C-alpha cells in the first residue's frame, strides 16, 4: 500500500534551530517546504491592496491576519496536490496561533493528508534562546547564519563564501525577550492544543544539531516501521 505524504510541523522559540532542521529534513526525505514568512514575502511583491497591506504590517513589526496566511497555505497545498511526485512537506514555525492550528487541521483533512502528520517542538530554555540569538552571526553577502554553540569555537568568516560575519542589529537581548514573550502568549496555546491531543513530540533542542536531527528521524521512522 502506498504511503500517505509525510507532513512535518516544526515549532520552537526563536533560536531553537528550526531552520537548520528544516533544511536537513528537506534534503534527507525529499520534502517540499512551507514557510509563512517566505509566502508573505512572495505575496507582497504583487502590488494590489493585500500585497501593500502585507508590506505595511511586516515593515512595522506586526503580525499578518490569519485569513491572509490561510489563503496562502491553501494555494500552496493546491499546488502540491497537482505534483506527480509528492512525498510531503515540512512546515517551518507555523501554526503561530491557536486559530491557525484549528484551520490547519481542517485543511490537512480536506487534502487527505492527516494520516502521517508529525508535530515537533524543538524545546530550548529562554536562557539558551537568548544566548544563541544574541551571539549568532550572519554573512552579509550570502545570508548564511552561524549559530552560537557552547561547544564550538567563535567563527569570524563565512564558510560558504569567505565574507566576514556580522551580528544583526535586531539580535539584542531586549528584542529576543520580546520574541520569547510573544511565543509564550501566541504559540503557547498551540503547543498545549497538540499536547492535549497527544500529538506533540518534544525534542531536546539543546543538544547538537546532529542529535536533534537524529531524534526527529527516530520518531518519524518509529511509526513507519510499525
N, C-alpha and C. Protein backbone atom coordinates (compact mmCIF):
# COMPACT_ATOMS: atom_id res chain seq x y z
N UNK A 1 0.84 -1.20 0.00
CA UNK A 1 0.00 0.00 0.00
C UNK A 1 0.87 1.25 0.00
N UNK A 2 0.54 2.22 -0.87
CA UNK A 2 1.32 3.45 -0.98
C UNK A 2 1.16 4.30 0.27
N UNK A 3 2.29 4.84 0.75
CA UNK A 3 2.25 5.66 1.96
C UNK A 3 1.64 7.02 1.67
N UNK A 4 0.97 7.56 2.67
CA UNK A 4 0.47 8.93 2.58
C UNK A 4 1.65 9.88 2.63
N UNK A 5 1.50 11.10 2.08
CA UNK A 5 2.57 12.09 2.19
C UNK A 5 2.90 12.37 3.66
N UNK A 6 4.16 12.64 3.93
CA UNK A 6 4.61 12.94 5.28
C UNK A 6 4.54 14.45 5.52
N UNK A 7 3.80 14.86 6.54
CA UNK A 7 3.68 16.28 6.88
C UNK A 7 4.37 16.51 8.22
N UNK A 8 5.40 17.34 8.22
CA UNK A 8 6.15 17.64 9.44
C UNK A 8 5.92 19.10 9.83
N UNK A 9 5.48 19.31 11.06
CA UNK A 9 5.27 20.66 11.59
C UNK A 9 6.32 20.89 12.67
N UNK A 10 7.17 21.90 12.48
CA UNK A 10 8.23 22.20 13.45
C UNK A 10 7.92 23.50 14.18
N UNK A 11 7.73 23.38 15.49
CA UNK A 11 7.50 24.54 16.34
C UNK A 11 8.73 24.76 17.22
N UNK A 12 8.90 25.97 17.69
CA UNK A 12 10.01 26.25 18.59
C UNK A 12 10.25 27.74 18.72
N UNK A 13 10.87 28.12 19.80
CA UNK A 13 11.20 29.52 20.04
C UNK A 13 12.23 30.01 19.02
N UNK A 14 12.36 31.33 18.91
CA UNK A 14 13.45 31.89 18.14
C UNK A 14 14.77 31.37 18.72
N UNK A 15 15.65 30.92 17.84
CA UNK A 15 16.92 30.39 18.30
C UNK A 15 16.92 28.91 18.58
N UNK A 16 15.77 28.26 18.41
CA UNK A 16 15.70 26.82 18.70
C UNK A 16 16.39 25.98 17.63
N UNK A 17 16.60 26.56 16.46
CA UNK A 17 17.26 25.82 15.39
C UNK A 17 16.31 25.17 14.40
N UNK A 18 15.09 25.69 14.31
CA UNK A 18 14.11 25.12 13.38
C UNK A 18 14.59 25.14 11.94
N UNK A 19 15.13 26.30 11.52
CA UNK A 19 15.56 26.45 10.13
C UNK A 19 16.60 25.43 9.73
N UNK A 20 17.55 25.17 10.62
CA UNK A 20 18.60 24.18 10.34
C UNK A 20 18.00 22.80 10.15
N UNK A 21 17.07 22.44 11.03
CA UNK A 21 16.44 21.12 10.93
C UNK A 21 15.55 21.00 9.70
N UNK A 22 14.88 22.09 9.35
CA UNK A 22 14.06 22.09 8.14
C UNK A 22 14.90 21.73 6.92
N UNK A 23 16.06 22.37 6.80
CA UNK A 23 16.93 22.11 5.65
C UNK A 23 17.43 20.66 5.63
N UNK A 24 17.78 20.13 6.79
CA UNK A 24 18.24 18.74 6.86
C UNK A 24 17.13 17.76 6.49
N UNK A 25 15.92 18.02 6.99
CA UNK A 25 14.79 17.13 6.72
C UNK A 25 14.36 17.19 5.26
N UNK A 26 14.37 18.38 4.68
CA UNK A 26 14.03 18.53 3.26
C UNK A 26 14.96 17.67 2.40
N UNK A 27 16.25 17.75 2.70
CA UNK A 27 17.23 17.03 1.89
C UNK A 27 17.15 15.52 2.13
N UNK A 28 17.03 15.12 3.38
CA UNK A 28 17.02 13.69 3.72
C UNK A 28 15.79 12.98 3.18
N UNK A 29 14.62 13.64 3.27
CA UNK A 29 13.35 12.97 2.95
C UNK A 29 12.72 13.46 1.65
N UNK A 30 13.42 14.33 0.92
CA UNK A 30 12.91 14.89 -0.35
C UNK A 30 11.53 15.52 -0.17
N UNK A 31 11.44 16.40 0.82
CA UNK A 31 10.18 17.05 1.14
C UNK A 31 10.12 18.46 0.55
N UNK A 32 8.91 18.89 0.25
CA UNK A 32 8.69 20.29 -0.09
C UNK A 32 8.69 21.11 1.19
N UNK A 33 8.57 22.42 1.04
CA UNK A 33 8.72 23.32 2.18
C UNK A 33 7.63 24.39 2.18
N UNK A 34 7.12 24.68 3.37
CA UNK A 34 6.25 25.84 3.53
C UNK A 34 6.75 26.65 4.71
N UNK A 35 7.06 27.90 4.45
CA UNK A 35 7.40 28.86 5.50
C UNK A 35 6.49 30.06 5.32
N UNK A 36 5.73 30.40 6.34
CA UNK A 36 4.78 31.51 6.20
C UNK A 36 5.49 32.81 5.84
N UNK A 37 6.67 33.02 6.41
CA UNK A 37 7.43 34.23 6.10
C UNK A 37 7.77 34.33 4.62
N UNK A 38 8.19 33.20 4.05
CA UNK A 38 8.54 33.17 2.63
C UNK A 38 7.31 33.43 1.77
N UNK A 39 6.18 32.82 2.13
CA UNK A 39 4.94 33.03 1.38
C UNK A 39 4.51 34.49 1.41
N UNK A 40 4.65 35.13 2.57
CA UNK A 40 4.28 36.54 2.70
C UNK A 40 5.21 37.43 1.89
N UNK A 41 6.50 37.11 1.89
CA UNK A 41 7.44 37.91 1.10
C UNK A 41 7.14 37.81 -0.39
N UNK A 42 6.74 36.62 -0.83
CA UNK A 42 6.36 36.44 -2.23
C UNK A 42 5.08 37.22 -2.54
N UNK A 43 4.11 37.13 -1.63
CA UNK A 43 2.79 37.74 -1.88
C UNK A 43 2.86 39.26 -1.91
N UNK A 44 3.73 39.85 -1.09
CA UNK A 44 3.75 41.31 -1.03
C UNK A 44 4.37 41.94 -2.29
N UNK A 45 4.99 41.12 -3.14
CA UNK A 45 5.53 41.62 -4.40
C UNK A 45 4.41 42.01 -5.37
N UNK A 46 3.24 41.40 -5.19
CA UNK A 46 2.08 41.76 -6.00
C UNK A 46 1.47 43.02 -5.40
N UNK A 47 1.54 44.11 -6.12
CA UNK A 47 1.21 45.40 -5.53
C UNK A 47 -0.28 45.74 -5.60
N UNK A 48 -1.11 44.80 -5.20
CA UNK A 48 -2.53 45.08 -5.02
C UNK A 48 -2.75 45.49 -3.57
N UNK A 49 -4.01 45.61 -3.15
CA UNK A 49 -4.28 46.06 -1.78
C UNK A 49 -3.64 45.14 -0.75
N UNK A 50 -3.84 43.82 -0.92
CA UNK A 50 -3.32 42.87 0.07
C UNK A 50 -1.80 42.86 0.09
N UNK A 51 -1.18 42.94 -1.09
CA UNK A 51 0.27 42.98 -1.14
C UNK A 51 0.84 44.18 -0.41
N UNK A 52 0.23 45.35 -0.64
CA UNK A 52 0.67 46.57 0.03
C UNK A 52 0.41 46.51 1.53
N UNK A 53 -0.72 45.90 1.90
CA UNK A 53 -1.07 45.79 3.32
C UNK A 53 -0.08 44.86 4.04
N UNK A 54 0.28 43.77 3.39
CA UNK A 54 1.26 42.85 3.97
C UNK A 54 2.58 43.58 4.21
N UNK A 55 3.04 44.35 3.22
CA UNK A 55 4.28 45.12 3.36
C UNK A 55 4.19 46.07 4.55
N UNK A 56 3.07 46.76 4.65
CA UNK A 56 2.88 47.74 5.73
C UNK A 56 2.94 47.06 7.10
N UNK A 57 2.25 45.93 7.24
CA UNK A 57 2.21 45.24 8.52
C UNK A 57 3.58 44.69 8.89
N UNK A 58 4.23 44.02 7.94
CA UNK A 58 5.53 43.41 8.21
C UNK A 58 6.58 44.49 8.53
N UNK A 59 6.58 45.57 7.75
CA UNK A 59 7.57 46.63 7.94
C UNK A 59 7.44 47.30 9.31
N UNK A 60 6.24 47.22 9.90
CA UNK A 60 6.02 47.82 11.21
C UNK A 60 6.06 46.80 12.34
N UNK A 61 6.56 45.60 12.01
CA UNK A 61 6.73 44.56 13.03
C UNK A 61 5.45 43.89 13.47
N UNK A 62 4.40 44.00 12.67
CA UNK A 62 3.11 43.41 13.04
C UNK A 62 2.97 41.98 12.57
N UNK A 63 1.83 41.39 12.90
CA UNK A 63 1.50 40.02 12.50
C UNK A 63 0.37 40.05 11.49
N UNK A 64 0.59 39.42 10.35
CA UNK A 64 -0.43 39.38 9.30
C UNK A 64 -1.59 38.51 9.75
N UNK A 65 -2.81 38.95 9.43
CA UNK A 65 -4.01 38.26 9.90
C UNK A 65 -4.08 36.81 9.42
N UNK A 66 -4.66 35.97 10.23
CA UNK A 66 -4.79 34.54 9.93
C UNK A 66 -5.47 34.26 8.59
N UNK A 67 -6.58 34.93 8.22
CA UNK A 67 -7.20 34.63 6.92
C UNK A 67 -6.27 34.81 5.74
N UNK A 68 -5.38 35.80 5.81
CA UNK A 68 -4.42 36.03 4.72
C UNK A 68 -3.42 34.88 4.66
N UNK A 69 -2.89 34.50 5.82
CA UNK A 69 -1.94 33.38 5.89
C UNK A 69 -2.60 32.09 5.38
N UNK A 70 -3.82 31.86 5.83
CA UNK A 70 -4.51 30.62 5.49
C UNK A 70 -4.75 30.52 3.98
N UNK A 71 -5.10 31.63 3.35
CA UNK A 71 -5.29 31.65 1.90
C UNK A 71 -3.99 31.25 1.19
N UNK A 72 -2.86 31.75 1.67
CA UNK A 72 -1.57 31.41 1.06
C UNK A 72 -1.26 29.93 1.25
N UNK A 73 -1.58 29.39 2.43
CA UNK A 73 -1.37 27.96 2.67
C UNK A 73 -2.20 27.13 1.70
N UNK A 74 -3.48 27.47 1.57
CA UNK A 74 -4.38 26.68 0.73
C UNK A 74 -3.93 26.70 -0.73
N UNK A 75 -3.47 27.85 -1.20
CA UNK A 75 -2.97 27.92 -2.58
C UNK A 75 -1.76 27.02 -2.76
N UNK A 76 -0.85 27.02 -1.79
CA UNK A 76 0.33 26.17 -1.89
C UNK A 76 -0.05 24.69 -1.79
N UNK A 77 -0.99 24.35 -0.92
CA UNK A 77 -1.46 22.97 -0.82
C UNK A 77 -2.01 22.49 -2.16
N UNK A 78 -2.76 23.36 -2.82
CA UNK A 78 -3.34 23.01 -4.12
C UNK A 78 -2.24 22.72 -5.13
N UNK A 79 -1.16 23.50 -5.09
CA UNK A 79 -0.02 23.26 -5.98
C UNK A 79 0.60 21.89 -5.69
N UNK A 80 0.76 21.57 -4.42
CA UNK A 80 1.32 20.27 -4.04
C UNK A 80 0.45 19.12 -4.56
N UNK A 81 -0.84 19.32 -4.51
CA UNK A 81 -1.78 18.25 -4.88
C UNK A 81 -1.67 17.89 -6.36
N UNK A 82 -1.17 18.82 -7.16
CA UNK A 82 -1.06 18.56 -8.60
C UNK A 82 0.29 17.97 -9.00
N UNK A 83 1.22 17.85 -8.05
CA UNK A 83 2.55 17.33 -8.38
C UNK A 83 2.49 15.83 -8.65
N UNK A 84 3.27 15.40 -9.63
CA UNK A 84 3.32 13.97 -9.95
C UNK A 84 4.02 13.18 -8.84
N UNK A 85 5.09 13.76 -8.31
CA UNK A 85 5.81 13.12 -7.22
C UNK A 85 5.77 14.05 -6.01
N UNK A 86 5.07 13.63 -4.99
CA UNK A 86 4.91 14.45 -3.79
C UNK A 86 5.08 13.58 -2.56
N UNK A 87 6.19 13.78 -1.86
CA UNK A 87 6.48 12.98 -0.67
C UNK A 87 5.92 13.59 0.60
N UNK A 88 5.58 14.88 0.54
CA UNK A 88 5.10 15.58 1.72
C UNK A 88 5.82 16.91 1.84
N UNK A 89 5.62 17.58 2.97
CA UNK A 89 6.29 18.87 3.16
C UNK A 89 6.58 19.10 4.64
N UNK A 90 7.51 20.02 4.86
CA UNK A 90 7.86 20.41 6.22
C UNK A 90 7.40 21.85 6.41
N UNK A 91 6.73 22.08 7.54
CA UNK A 91 6.13 23.37 7.88
C UNK A 91 7.03 24.03 8.92
N UNK A 92 7.55 25.20 8.61
CA UNK A 92 8.51 25.87 9.48
C UNK A 92 7.85 26.95 10.34
N UNK A 93 7.73 26.68 11.65
CA UNK A 93 7.30 27.71 12.58
C UNK A 93 5.82 28.06 12.57
N UNK A 94 5.01 27.29 11.92
CA UNK A 94 3.56 27.51 11.90
C UNK A 94 2.90 26.19 12.28
N UNK A 95 1.69 26.27 12.84
CA UNK A 95 0.84 27.43 13.11
C UNK A 95 1.34 28.27 14.29
N UNK A 96 1.14 29.60 14.18
CA UNK A 96 1.63 30.53 15.20
C UNK A 96 0.55 30.93 16.19
N UNK A 97 -0.71 30.63 15.86
CA UNK A 97 -1.83 30.98 16.73
C UNK A 97 -2.78 29.80 16.81
N UNK A 98 -3.58 29.75 17.87
CA UNK A 98 -4.49 28.61 18.04
C UNK A 98 -5.52 28.55 16.91
N UNK A 99 -5.94 29.72 16.42
CA UNK A 99 -6.88 29.75 15.30
C UNK A 99 -6.27 29.10 14.06
N UNK A 100 -4.97 29.37 13.84
CA UNK A 100 -4.29 28.76 12.71
C UNK A 100 -4.18 27.25 12.86
N UNK A 101 -4.00 26.79 14.10
CA UNK A 101 -3.91 25.34 14.34
C UNK A 101 -5.21 24.64 13.98
N UNK A 102 -6.34 25.25 14.38
CA UNK A 102 -7.65 24.67 14.04
C UNK A 102 -7.84 24.62 12.52
N UNK A 103 -7.53 25.72 11.86
CA UNK A 103 -7.72 25.78 10.41
C UNK A 103 -6.79 24.83 9.68
N UNK A 104 -5.56 24.69 10.18
CA UNK A 104 -4.61 23.79 9.55
C UNK A 104 -5.09 22.34 9.64
N UNK A 105 -5.64 21.96 10.79
CA UNK A 105 -6.18 20.61 10.94
C UNK A 105 -7.26 20.34 9.89
N UNK A 106 -8.16 21.31 9.70
CA UNK A 106 -9.23 21.14 8.73
C UNK A 106 -8.68 21.07 7.31
N UNK A 107 -7.66 21.90 7.03
CA UNK A 107 -7.07 21.91 5.68
C UNK A 107 -6.37 20.59 5.37
N UNK A 108 -5.61 20.06 6.32
CA UNK A 108 -4.92 18.79 6.10
C UNK A 108 -5.93 17.66 5.89
N UNK A 109 -7.03 17.71 6.62
CA UNK A 109 -8.08 16.72 6.45
C UNK A 109 -8.72 16.85 5.06
N UNK A 110 -8.94 18.09 4.64
CA UNK A 110 -9.55 18.36 3.33
C UNK A 110 -8.69 17.78 2.20
N UNK A 111 -7.38 17.96 2.32
CA UNK A 111 -6.47 17.48 1.28
C UNK A 111 -6.04 16.02 1.48
N UNK A 112 -6.62 15.36 2.49
CA UNK A 112 -6.41 13.94 2.76
C UNK A 112 -4.96 13.64 3.14
N UNK A 113 -4.39 14.53 3.98
CA UNK A 113 -3.00 14.39 4.41
C UNK A 113 -2.88 14.16 5.91
N UNK A 114 -3.95 13.93 6.60
CA UNK A 114 -3.90 13.90 8.06
C UNK A 114 -3.20 12.65 8.59
N UNK A 115 -3.07 11.61 7.76
CA UNK A 115 -2.58 10.31 8.22
C UNK A 115 -1.17 10.29 8.76
N UNK A 116 -0.23 10.99 8.11
CA UNK A 116 1.18 10.96 8.54
C UNK A 116 1.67 12.35 8.92
N UNK A 117 0.91 13.03 9.73
CA UNK A 117 1.31 14.35 10.21
C UNK A 117 2.03 14.22 11.54
N UNK A 118 3.22 14.83 11.64
CA UNK A 118 4.02 14.80 12.87
C UNK A 118 4.25 16.22 13.34
N UNK A 119 3.97 16.49 14.60
CA UNK A 119 4.18 17.82 15.17
C UNK A 119 5.31 17.76 16.18
N UNK A 120 6.38 18.49 15.89
CA UNK A 120 7.55 18.51 16.77
C UNK A 120 7.71 19.89 17.42
N UNK A 121 8.07 19.87 18.70
CA UNK A 121 8.50 21.08 19.39
C UNK A 121 9.99 20.92 19.69
N UNK A 122 10.81 21.75 19.06
CA UNK A 122 12.25 21.76 19.38
C UNK A 122 12.40 22.66 20.59
N UNK A 123 12.62 22.03 21.71
CA UNK A 123 12.49 22.68 23.02
C UNK A 123 13.83 23.20 23.54
N UNK A 124 13.91 24.50 23.77
CA UNK A 124 15.09 25.10 24.41
C UNK A 124 14.60 26.06 25.48
N UNK A 125 15.43 26.30 26.48
CA UNK A 125 15.08 27.24 27.53
C UNK A 125 15.20 28.67 27.01
N UNK A 126 14.57 29.62 27.71
CA UNK A 126 14.70 31.02 27.33
C UNK A 126 16.16 31.46 27.38
N UNK A 127 16.89 30.98 28.39
CA UNK A 127 18.29 31.35 28.53
C UNK A 127 19.11 30.88 27.32
N UNK A 128 18.85 29.67 26.88
CA UNK A 128 19.56 29.14 25.72
C UNK A 128 19.21 29.93 24.45
N UNK A 129 17.92 30.25 24.31
CA UNK A 129 17.48 31.00 23.13
C UNK A 129 18.14 32.37 23.08
N UNK A 130 18.20 33.05 24.22
CA UNK A 130 18.82 34.37 24.28
C UNK A 130 20.30 34.29 23.94
N UNK A 131 20.98 33.29 24.48
CA UNK A 131 22.41 33.12 24.20
C UNK A 131 22.64 32.89 22.71
N UNK A 132 21.83 32.03 22.12
CA UNK A 132 22.02 31.71 20.70
C UNK A 132 21.77 32.92 19.80
N UNK A 133 20.67 33.61 20.05
CA UNK A 133 20.29 34.72 19.16
C UNK A 133 21.25 35.90 19.29
N UNK A 134 21.60 36.24 20.51
CA UNK A 134 22.45 37.42 20.71
C UNK A 134 23.90 37.18 20.31
N UNK A 135 24.27 35.91 20.15
CA UNK A 135 25.66 35.61 19.78
C UNK A 135 25.81 35.02 18.38
N UNK A 136 24.67 34.80 17.69
CA UNK A 136 24.78 34.25 16.34
C UNK A 136 25.24 35.35 15.37
N UNK A 137 25.79 34.91 14.23
CA UNK A 137 26.30 35.84 13.23
C UNK A 137 25.75 35.47 11.86
N UNK A 138 25.73 36.46 10.99
CA UNK A 138 25.19 36.24 9.64
C UNK A 138 26.16 36.80 8.61
N UNK A 139 26.19 36.17 7.45
CA UNK A 139 27.02 36.65 6.36
C UNK A 139 26.25 37.71 5.58
N UNK A 140 26.77 38.94 5.48
CA UNK A 140 26.05 39.99 4.76
C UNK A 140 26.02 39.77 3.25
N UNK A 141 26.87 38.86 2.77
CA UNK A 141 26.95 38.61 1.32
C UNK A 141 25.99 37.51 0.86
N UNK A 142 26.04 36.35 1.53
CA UNK A 142 25.22 35.21 1.07
C UNK A 142 24.09 34.86 2.02
N UNK A 143 24.06 35.48 3.20
CA UNK A 143 22.96 35.24 4.14
C UNK A 143 23.12 34.04 5.04
N UNK A 144 24.23 33.34 4.91
CA UNK A 144 24.47 32.15 5.76
C UNK A 144 24.52 32.55 7.23
N UNK A 145 23.82 31.79 8.07
CA UNK A 145 23.75 32.08 9.50
C UNK A 145 24.61 31.09 10.27
N UNK A 146 25.43 31.61 11.15
CA UNK A 146 26.26 30.77 12.01
C UNK A 146 25.68 30.82 13.41
N UNK A 147 25.16 29.69 13.86
CA UNK A 147 24.52 29.62 15.17
C UNK A 147 25.56 29.51 16.27
N UNK A 148 25.25 30.14 17.39
CA UNK A 148 26.14 30.04 18.54
C UNK A 148 26.04 28.66 19.18
N UNK A 149 27.17 28.10 19.53
CA UNK A 149 27.21 26.83 20.25
C UNK A 149 28.29 26.90 21.32
N UNK A 150 27.94 26.46 22.50
CA UNK A 150 28.91 26.46 23.61
C UNK A 150 30.10 25.56 23.31
N UNK A 151 29.90 24.59 22.41
CA UNK A 151 30.94 23.59 22.15
C UNK A 151 31.84 23.93 20.97
N UNK A 152 31.49 24.99 20.21
CA UNK A 152 32.26 25.32 19.01
C UNK A 152 33.06 26.61 19.23
N UNK A 153 34.20 26.73 18.56
CA UNK A 153 34.98 27.97 18.66
C UNK A 153 34.25 29.13 17.97
N UNK A 154 34.58 30.34 18.38
CA UNK A 154 33.98 31.52 17.76
C UNK A 154 34.42 31.60 16.30
N UNK A 155 33.46 31.86 15.40
CA UNK A 155 33.73 31.90 13.97
C UNK A 155 33.61 33.34 13.47
N UNK A 156 34.54 33.78 12.67
CA UNK A 156 34.56 35.16 12.18
C UNK A 156 34.31 35.28 10.68
N UNK A 157 34.55 34.18 9.94
CA UNK A 157 34.45 34.23 8.48
C UNK A 157 33.44 33.20 7.99
N UNK A 158 32.64 33.58 6.98
CA UNK A 158 31.63 32.68 6.42
C UNK A 158 32.29 31.50 5.71
N UNK A 159 31.88 30.29 6.07
CA UNK A 159 32.45 29.09 5.45
C UNK A 159 31.95 28.89 4.03
N UNK A 160 30.86 29.58 3.66
CA UNK A 160 30.29 29.43 2.32
C UNK A 160 31.00 30.30 1.28
N UNK A 161 31.29 31.57 1.67
CA UNK A 161 31.84 32.48 0.65
C UNK A 161 33.07 33.26 1.12
N UNK A 162 33.45 33.10 2.39
CA UNK A 162 34.65 33.76 2.87
C UNK A 162 34.47 35.19 3.34
N UNK A 163 33.25 35.70 3.30
CA UNK A 163 32.97 37.06 3.75
C UNK A 163 33.02 37.14 5.29
N UNK A 164 33.39 38.31 5.82
CA UNK A 164 33.39 38.49 7.26
C UNK A 164 31.98 38.49 7.82
N UNK A 165 31.76 37.78 8.91
CA UNK A 165 30.44 37.68 9.52
C UNK A 165 30.12 38.91 10.37
N UNK A 166 28.83 39.20 10.49
CA UNK A 166 28.38 40.32 11.32
C UNK A 166 27.26 39.87 12.24
N UNK A 167 26.97 40.68 13.25
CA UNK A 167 25.81 40.44 14.10
C UNK A 167 24.67 41.35 13.63
N UNK A 168 23.45 40.80 13.55
CA UNK A 168 22.33 41.61 13.10
C UNK A 168 21.90 42.57 14.21
N UNK A 169 21.57 43.80 13.87
CA UNK A 169 21.22 44.80 14.89
C UNK A 169 19.98 44.42 15.70
N UNK A 170 19.08 43.62 15.11
CA UNK A 170 17.85 43.24 15.83
C UNK A 170 18.07 42.09 16.81
N UNK A 171 19.24 41.47 16.77
CA UNK A 171 19.51 40.32 17.64
C UNK A 171 20.06 40.79 18.99
N UNK A 172 19.26 41.56 19.70
CA UNK A 172 19.64 42.07 21.02
C UNK A 172 18.89 41.29 22.10
N UNK A 173 19.34 41.43 23.33
CA UNK A 173 18.67 40.76 24.44
C UNK A 173 17.23 41.25 24.57
N UNK A 174 17.04 42.56 24.48
CA UNK A 174 15.69 43.13 24.63
C UNK A 174 14.74 42.63 23.55
N UNK A 175 15.21 42.66 22.32
CA UNK A 175 14.39 42.19 21.20
C UNK A 175 14.08 40.70 21.33
N UNK A 176 15.06 39.93 21.74
CA UNK A 176 14.87 38.48 21.90
C UNK A 176 13.85 38.18 22.99
N UNK A 177 13.91 38.91 24.08
CA UNK A 177 12.94 38.71 25.16
C UNK A 177 11.52 38.99 24.69
N UNK A 178 11.35 40.00 23.84
CA UNK A 178 10.02 40.30 23.30
C UNK A 178 9.52 39.15 22.43
N UNK A 179 10.42 38.57 21.63
CA UNK A 179 10.05 37.43 20.79
C UNK A 179 9.65 36.23 21.64
N UNK A 180 10.37 36.03 22.74
CA UNK A 180 10.05 34.90 23.63
C UNK A 180 8.71 35.12 24.33
N UNK A 181 8.42 36.36 24.70
CA UNK A 181 7.12 36.67 25.31
C UNK A 181 6.00 36.41 24.31
N UNK A 182 6.24 36.82 23.06
CA UNK A 182 5.24 36.58 22.01
C UNK A 182 5.01 35.07 21.82
N UNK A 183 6.09 34.30 21.83
CA UNK A 183 5.97 32.86 21.66
C UNK A 183 5.10 32.27 22.77
N UNK A 184 5.34 32.68 23.99
CA UNK A 184 4.58 32.15 25.12
C UNK A 184 3.10 32.50 25.00
N UNK A 185 2.82 33.74 24.59
CA UNK A 185 1.44 34.22 24.50
C UNK A 185 0.68 33.61 23.33
N UNK A 186 1.31 33.61 22.16
CA UNK A 186 0.61 33.20 20.94
C UNK A 186 0.79 31.71 20.61
N UNK A 187 2.03 31.22 20.66
CA UNK A 187 2.29 29.83 20.26
C UNK A 187 2.08 28.87 21.42
N UNK A 188 2.19 29.38 22.65
CA UNK A 188 1.98 28.52 23.82
C UNK A 188 0.67 27.75 23.76
N UNK A 189 -0.46 28.41 23.45
CA UNK A 189 -1.73 27.68 23.34
C UNK A 189 -1.73 26.62 22.23
N UNK A 190 -0.97 26.86 21.16
CA UNK A 190 -0.86 25.87 20.09
C UNK A 190 -0.15 24.61 20.61
N UNK A 191 0.93 24.82 21.36
CA UNK A 191 1.67 23.71 21.96
C UNK A 191 0.75 22.92 22.89
N UNK A 192 -0.01 23.62 23.73
CA UNK A 192 -0.93 22.97 24.66
C UNK A 192 -2.01 22.19 23.91
N UNK A 193 -2.50 22.75 22.82
CA UNK A 193 -3.52 22.10 22.00
C UNK A 193 -3.04 20.74 21.48
N UNK A 194 -1.84 20.73 20.90
CA UNK A 194 -1.31 19.47 20.37
C UNK A 194 -0.95 18.49 21.49
N UNK A 195 -0.54 19.03 22.64
CA UNK A 195 -0.24 18.16 23.78
C UNK A 195 -1.51 17.44 24.26
N UNK A 196 -2.61 18.17 24.33
CA UNK A 196 -3.88 17.56 24.78
C UNK A 196 -4.35 16.48 23.82
N UNK A 197 -3.97 16.63 22.55
CA UNK A 197 -4.33 15.62 21.55
C UNK A 197 -3.34 14.46 21.53
N UNK A 198 -2.31 14.54 22.40
CA UNK A 198 -1.23 13.54 22.44
C UNK A 198 -0.52 13.41 21.10
N UNK A 199 -0.35 14.55 20.44
CA UNK A 199 0.29 14.54 19.13
C UNK A 199 1.59 15.34 19.11
N UNK A 200 1.91 15.98 20.21
CA UNK A 200 3.13 16.79 20.26
C UNK A 200 4.32 15.92 20.63
N UNK A 201 5.39 16.04 19.87
CA UNK A 201 6.63 15.31 20.14
C UNK A 201 7.69 16.33 20.54
N UNK A 202 8.13 16.27 21.78
CA UNK A 202 9.14 17.20 22.28
C UNK A 202 10.54 16.65 21.97
N UNK A 203 11.36 17.53 21.41
CA UNK A 203 12.74 17.18 21.09
C UNK A 203 13.65 18.11 21.87
N UNK A 204 14.65 17.55 22.52
CA UNK A 204 15.62 18.37 23.24
C UNK A 204 16.45 19.18 22.25
N UNK A 205 16.20 20.49 22.19
CA UNK A 205 16.88 21.33 21.24
C UNK A 205 18.23 21.84 21.71
N UNK A 206 18.63 21.49 22.94
CA UNK A 206 19.89 21.99 23.48
C UNK A 206 21.04 21.03 23.26
N UNK A 207 20.81 19.97 22.50
CA UNK A 207 21.89 19.07 22.11
C UNK A 207 22.45 19.52 20.77
N UNK A 208 23.36 18.77 20.21
CA UNK A 208 23.97 19.13 18.94
C UNK A 208 22.94 19.10 17.81
N UNK A 209 23.26 19.76 16.70
CA UNK A 209 22.39 19.73 15.52
C UNK A 209 22.13 18.30 15.09
N UNK A 210 23.18 17.50 15.10
CA UNK A 210 23.05 16.09 14.70
C UNK A 210 22.16 15.32 15.67
N UNK A 211 22.29 15.63 16.97
CA UNK A 211 21.47 14.96 17.97
C UNK A 211 19.99 15.27 17.80
N UNK A 212 19.68 16.54 17.54
CA UNK A 212 18.28 16.94 17.30
C UNK A 212 17.74 16.22 16.07
N UNK A 213 18.52 16.24 14.99
CA UNK A 213 18.09 15.61 13.74
C UNK A 213 17.86 14.12 13.93
N UNK A 214 18.77 13.46 14.61
CA UNK A 214 18.63 12.01 14.83
C UNK A 214 17.38 11.69 15.65
N UNK A 215 17.09 12.51 16.65
CA UNK A 215 15.89 12.27 17.47
C UNK A 215 14.61 12.45 16.64
N UNK A 216 14.61 13.45 15.77
CA UNK A 216 13.44 13.66 14.90
C UNK A 216 13.27 12.46 13.97
N UNK A 217 14.36 12.02 13.37
CA UNK A 217 14.29 10.90 12.44
C UNK A 217 13.82 9.62 13.13
N UNK A 218 14.25 9.41 14.36
CA UNK A 218 13.81 8.23 15.11
C UNK A 218 12.29 8.22 15.28
N UNK A 219 11.73 9.40 15.56
CA UNK A 219 10.28 9.50 15.74
C UNK A 219 9.53 9.26 14.44
N UNK A 220 10.10 9.74 13.35
CA UNK A 220 9.47 9.53 12.04
C UNK A 220 9.52 8.05 11.67
N UNK A 221 10.69 7.44 11.87
CA UNK A 221 10.87 6.04 11.49
C UNK A 221 10.13 5.08 12.40
N UNK A 222 9.88 5.51 13.65
CA UNK A 222 9.20 4.66 14.62
C UNK A 222 7.83 4.21 14.09
N UNK A 223 7.03 5.15 13.64
CA UNK A 223 5.70 4.82 13.14
C UNK A 223 5.76 4.13 11.78
N UNK A 224 6.73 4.53 10.93
CA UNK A 224 6.83 3.94 9.60
C UNK A 224 7.21 2.47 9.67
N UNK A 225 7.88 2.08 10.77
CA UNK A 225 8.31 0.67 10.91
C UNK A 225 7.26 -0.19 11.58
N UNK A 226 6.20 0.45 12.11
CA UNK A 226 5.14 -0.33 12.77
C UNK A 226 4.16 -0.93 11.77
